[in-house]
Protein backbone atom coordinates (compact mmCIF):
# COMPACT_ATOMS: atom_id res chain seq x y z
CA MET A 1 2.20 -5.75 -28.75
CA ALA A 2 1.45 -8.86 -26.48
CA PRO A 3 2.00 -8.09 -22.65
CA GLY A 4 4.56 -10.63 -22.58
CA ASP A 5 6.89 -8.94 -25.39
CA SER A 6 7.20 -5.64 -23.24
CA PRO A 7 9.05 -4.90 -20.36
CA ARG A 8 7.66 -5.61 -17.00
CA SER A 9 5.82 -2.95 -15.64
CA ILE A 10 4.32 -1.39 -12.10
CA PHE A 11 1.45 1.16 -11.32
CA ILE A 12 1.89 2.81 -8.18
CA THR A 13 -0.49 5.11 -6.59
CA GLY A 14 0.67 7.85 -3.89
CA ALA A 15 3.78 7.68 -5.67
CA ALA A 16 4.90 11.34 -5.13
CA SER A 17 6.13 10.62 -1.23
CA GLY A 18 6.96 8.06 1.27
CA ILE A 19 6.61 4.28 0.29
CA GLY A 20 5.22 5.14 -3.09
CA ARG A 21 8.28 7.13 -4.04
CA ALA A 22 10.52 4.83 -2.61
CA THR A 23 8.89 2.09 -4.80
CA ALA A 24 8.92 3.89 -8.08
CA LEU A 25 12.52 4.92 -7.60
CA LEU A 26 13.78 1.30 -6.62
CA PHE A 27 11.67 -0.26 -9.61
CA ALA A 28 13.02 2.46 -12.08
CA GLN A 29 16.72 1.91 -11.31
CA ARG A 30 16.08 -1.86 -11.96
CA GLY A 31 14.67 -1.30 -15.16
CA TRP A 32 11.01 -1.48 -14.76
CA ARG A 33 8.40 0.53 -16.64
CA VAL A 34 6.96 2.71 -13.93
CA GLY A 35 3.70 4.58 -13.65
CA ALA A 36 3.63 6.83 -10.84
CA PHE A 37 0.13 8.37 -9.87
CA ASP A 38 -0.80 10.69 -6.97
CA VAL A 39 -2.97 13.97 -6.43
CA ASP A 40 0.49 15.53 -5.62
CA GLU A 41 1.59 16.71 -8.83
CA VAL A 42 4.64 18.94 -7.50
CA GLY A 43 5.61 15.54 -5.87
CA LEU A 44 5.49 13.59 -9.23
CA GLN A 45 7.56 16.18 -11.18
CA ARG A 46 10.36 16.00 -8.18
CA LEU A 47 10.22 12.11 -8.71
CA THR A 48 10.73 12.02 -12.28
CA ALA A 49 13.84 14.54 -11.62
CA ASP A 50 15.33 11.47 -9.53
CA ALA A 51 14.45 8.51 -11.52
CA PRO A 52 13.64 7.45 -15.07
CA VAL A 53 9.81 6.98 -14.43
CA SER A 54 7.91 5.98 -17.51
CA PHE A 55 4.69 7.69 -17.00
CA ILE A 56 3.32 10.31 -14.20
CA ARG A 57 -0.37 11.47 -14.12
CA ARG A 58 -2.27 13.18 -11.52
CA LEU A 59 -4.94 10.43 -9.98
CA ASP A 60 -7.64 10.96 -7.54
CA VAL A 61 -8.19 7.13 -6.52
CA THR A 62 -11.58 7.74 -5.39
CA ASP A 63 -12.84 8.57 -8.68
CA PRO A 64 -13.53 5.68 -10.97
CA GLN A 65 -13.78 7.47 -14.43
CA ASP A 66 -10.35 9.20 -13.66
CA TYR A 67 -8.91 5.68 -12.59
CA ARG A 68 -10.17 4.11 -15.75
CA THR A 69 -8.61 6.89 -17.61
CA ALA A 70 -5.12 6.37 -16.07
CA VAL A 71 -5.11 2.80 -16.22
CA GLY A 72 -5.92 3.05 -19.91
CA ALA A 73 -3.60 5.64 -20.63
CA PHE A 74 -0.63 3.40 -18.73
CA ALA A 75 -1.96 0.61 -20.55
CA GLU A 76 -1.48 2.17 -24.15
CA ARG A 77 2.34 2.91 -23.04
CA THR A 78 3.01 -0.52 -21.77
CA GLY A 79 1.33 -2.47 -24.74
CA GLY A 80 -1.31 -3.61 -22.07
CA ARG A 81 1.01 -5.16 -19.62
CA LEU A 82 0.54 -4.82 -15.80
CA ASP A 83 2.83 -6.97 -13.78
CA ILE A 84 2.06 -5.32 -10.59
CA LEU A 85 -0.82 -2.90 -9.25
CA PHE A 86 0.60 -1.44 -5.95
CA ASN A 87 -2.27 0.02 -4.29
CA ASN A 88 -0.39 2.43 -1.61
CA ALA A 89 -2.17 5.74 -1.59
CA GLY A 90 -3.71 6.44 1.65
CA VAL A 91 -4.23 8.78 4.48
CA ILE A 92 -4.68 9.10 8.53
CA THR A 93 -6.50 10.74 10.87
CA SER A 94 -5.37 10.64 14.49
CA ALA A 95 -7.67 11.42 17.18
CA PRO A 96 -10.59 9.82 19.30
CA LEU A 97 -13.33 8.29 17.37
CA ASP A 98 -15.79 10.86 18.84
CA ALA A 99 -13.54 13.70 18.19
CA THR A 100 -12.98 12.84 14.78
CA PRO A 101 -15.44 14.88 12.47
CA TRP A 102 -17.54 12.64 10.28
CA ASP A 103 -16.33 14.03 7.05
CA ALA A 104 -12.83 13.31 7.85
CA VAL A 105 -13.93 9.62 8.70
CA GLU A 106 -15.46 9.31 5.27
CA ARG A 107 -12.91 10.95 3.28
CA LEU A 108 -10.11 8.56 4.95
CA LEU A 109 -12.46 5.33 4.09
CA ARG A 110 -12.99 6.65 0.27
CA ILE A 111 -9.33 6.86 0.05
CA ASN A 112 -8.04 3.96 2.07
CA LEU A 113 -10.61 1.61 1.03
CA PHE A 114 -12.74 2.52 -1.68
CA GLY A 115 -9.81 3.76 -3.65
CA VAL A 116 -7.87 0.39 -3.37
CA MET A 117 -11.09 -1.36 -4.29
CA ILE A 118 -11.77 1.00 -7.25
CA GLY A 119 -8.19 0.32 -8.34
CA MET A 120 -8.20 -3.34 -8.29
CA GLN A 121 -11.41 -3.53 -10.07
CA THR A 122 -10.22 -1.63 -12.68
CA ALA A 123 -6.94 -2.90 -13.28
CA LEU A 124 -7.87 -6.78 -12.87
CA PRO A 125 -8.50 -7.07 -16.73
CA LEU A 126 -4.78 -5.96 -17.38
CA LEU A 127 -3.61 -8.44 -14.56
CA LYS A 128 -5.55 -11.21 -15.86
CA ALA A 129 -3.69 -10.61 -19.12
CA THR A 130 -0.12 -10.41 -17.84
CA PRO A 131 1.12 -13.98 -16.77
CA GLY A 132 2.74 -13.98 -13.14
CA SER A 133 1.03 -10.45 -12.15
CA LEU A 134 0.40 -9.32 -8.77
CA CYS A 135 -2.23 -7.18 -7.17
CA PHE A 136 -0.28 -5.83 -4.17
CA SER A 137 -1.50 -3.24 -1.34
CA THR A 138 -0.12 -1.50 1.65
CA CYS A 139 -1.54 -2.33 4.62
CA SER A 140 -0.34 -1.54 8.14
CA ALA A 141 0.33 -3.04 11.42
CA SER A 142 -3.02 -1.27 12.67
CA ALA A 143 -4.93 -4.25 10.59
CA ILE A 144 -2.92 -6.51 13.01
CA TYR A 145 -4.81 -5.30 16.12
CA GLY A 146 -6.54 -1.83 15.93
CA SER A 147 -4.77 1.46 16.97
CA ALA A 148 -6.09 3.47 19.51
CA ASN A 149 -6.85 7.45 18.25
CA LEU A 150 -6.83 5.44 14.63
CA ALA A 151 -10.19 3.77 14.50
CA ALA A 152 -11.04 4.61 11.03
CA TYR A 153 -7.74 4.09 9.84
CA SER A 154 -7.56 0.80 11.63
CA ALA A 155 -10.80 -0.08 10.01
CA SER A 156 -9.52 0.62 6.27
CA LYS A 157 -6.46 -1.49 6.70
CA HIS A 158 -8.47 -4.45 8.49
CA ALA A 159 -10.81 -4.07 5.40
CA ILE A 160 -7.85 -4.21 3.05
CA LYS A 161 -6.29 -7.37 4.47
CA GLY A 162 -9.71 -8.94 4.13
CA VAL A 163 -9.94 -8.01 0.26
CA THR A 164 -6.38 -9.17 -0.23
CA GLU A 165 -7.21 -12.49 1.49
CA ALA A 166 -10.42 -12.90 -0.70
CA LEU A 167 -8.66 -11.96 -3.74
CA SER A 168 -5.64 -14.57 -3.25
CA ILE A 169 -8.54 -16.97 -3.58
CA GLU A 170 -10.63 -15.36 -6.32
CA LEU A 171 -7.98 -14.57 -8.56
CA LYS A 172 -6.04 -17.93 -8.30
CA LYS A 173 -7.61 -19.62 -11.32
CA HIS A 174 -6.57 -16.47 -13.51
CA GLY A 175 -2.85 -16.76 -12.64
CA VAL A 176 -2.87 -13.72 -10.30
CA ARG A 177 -1.63 -13.36 -6.85
CA ALA A 178 -2.66 -10.79 -4.12
CA ALA A 179 -0.80 -9.54 -1.29
CA ASP A 180 -0.16 -6.77 1.18
CA VAL A 181 2.57 -5.65 3.27
CA LEU A 182 1.84 -4.97 6.90
CA PRO A 183 4.43 -2.21 7.78
CA GLY A 184 5.02 -1.11 11.56
CA ILE A 185 6.28 2.41 12.12
CA VAL A 186 7.57 4.26 8.60
CA GLU A 187 9.56 7.19 8.56
CA THR A 188 6.92 9.13 6.46
CA ALA A 189 5.38 12.67 6.15
CA MET A 190 2.53 11.09 8.79
CA LEU A 191 4.91 10.86 11.54
CA SER A 192 5.46 13.87 13.64
CA PRO A 193 9.10 14.73 15.19
CA GLU A 194 7.68 14.24 18.57
CA GLN A 195 6.53 10.54 17.51
CA LYS A 196 9.58 9.49 16.15
CA ALA A 197 11.69 10.95 19.17
CA ALA A 198 9.74 8.57 21.36
CA LEU A 199 10.20 5.28 19.32
CA PRO A 200 12.44 2.47 20.55
CA PRO A 201 15.67 1.97 18.53
CA ASP A 202 14.98 -1.85 18.35
CA GLY A 203 12.09 -4.18 18.40
CA PRO A 204 8.78 -4.49 16.43
CA TRP A 205 8.01 -0.64 16.92
CA ARG A 206 11.27 0.81 15.71
CA LEU A 207 11.60 3.02 12.83
CA ILE A 208 11.59 1.65 9.46
CA GLN A 209 12.42 3.37 6.21
CA PRO A 210 10.18 3.47 2.89
CA SER A 211 13.17 1.80 0.97
CA ASP A 212 12.53 -1.22 3.49
CA VAL A 213 8.63 -1.41 2.13
CA ALA A 214 10.23 -0.84 -1.50
CA GLU A 215 12.13 -3.87 -1.19
CA VAL A 216 9.65 -6.13 -0.10
CA VAL A 217 7.25 -4.93 -2.94
CA TRP A 218 10.29 -6.23 -4.84
CA ARG A 219 10.50 -9.60 -3.33
CA ALA A 220 6.96 -9.93 -3.31
CA TYR A 221 6.70 -10.09 -7.03
CA ASP A 222 8.81 -13.47 -6.98
CA GLU A 223 7.60 -14.94 -3.56
CA ASP A 224 4.38 -16.34 -3.07
CA ARG A 225 3.24 -14.96 0.31
CA VAL A 226 -0.33 -13.21 0.85
CA HIS A 227 0.80 -11.20 4.26
CA TRP A 228 4.57 -9.75 4.60
CA TYR A 229 5.47 -8.13 7.74
CA ILE A 230 8.10 -5.41 8.25
CA PRO A 231 9.64 -5.78 10.71
CA GLU A 232 9.06 -9.74 10.76
CA GLU A 233 8.81 -9.71 14.48
CA LEU A 234 4.77 -8.14 13.94
CA LYS A 235 3.89 -11.64 12.55
CA GLU A 236 4.10 -13.13 16.18
CA MET A 237 2.05 -10.36 17.17
CA HIS A 238 -0.29 -11.09 14.59
CA LEU A 239 -0.20 -14.62 15.75
CA LYS A 240 -0.86 -13.61 19.40
CA ALA A 241 -3.57 -10.95 18.43
CA ILE A 242 -5.63 -13.70 17.07
CA ALA A 243 -4.93 -16.31 19.91
CA ALA A 244 -5.11 -13.96 22.72
CA PRO A 245 -6.74 -10.57 22.08
CA GLU A 246 -6.99 -9.39 25.54
CA GLN A 247 -3.12 -9.70 26.04
CA VAL A 248 -2.39 -7.91 22.97
CA ARG A 249 -4.68 -5.06 24.19
CA ASP A 250 -3.61 -4.61 27.55
CA TYR A 251 0.07 -4.66 26.05
CA PHE A 252 -0.96 -1.56 23.95
CA ILE A 253 -2.49 -0.02 27.12
CA SER A 254 0.82 -0.57 29.01
CA LEU A 255 2.63 1.26 26.48
CA GLY A 256 0.65 4.16 26.51
CA ARG A 257 -1.11 4.11 23.01
CA ASP A 258 -4.52 3.92 24.80
């Protein structure tokens, strides 16, 4: 079966919770063939109880062989079609850099950066074979300006932004788009109750829902945009961070995020 003859499909990492789960639910409910992948097998089983997900599998995104096996198995299910690769799996470690164990830094970079690049490299043949396909990644507002006590996380997300921009050029001749989403503060398990309570009710640092990000993934398939911002006000901050980084630094210090 040629890729164009089968239903549209999306491969989602980190699909057992948060943004990945919300995206899997949305695309499944709208008729896409959804492949949901995570190390959390219990969470994946809960997902299948809530949506008609086509394929679930445990996946360690840092293991190239495991990734190749997962992509191959999904390709068999979809007839070789892959409309969206959604690189969403990620972790966070919050502490000053000199108080963060090096093992934790390495683990974060293996998952957040190497895991994404392994997925991109592994899935590119399918993306190239699928007309109008999209390589999409969860980035972060920490890629706009690095966040204090999140140095390794910020580094990983700045890197993902750079990889996305590079691929947006590199893949153009193959008809494949590359894009990312830079959300602000998302209500996920990564956020503590104390952190949520301290958030403002409006503005760029208001709390957003995983479903808000899922809707952007949906829109991104039909629109040619490299970077997506949630909330949209973050785009203005990104422009300011380029033009006047010292002012943005001082702004975050004034918020007590130093």
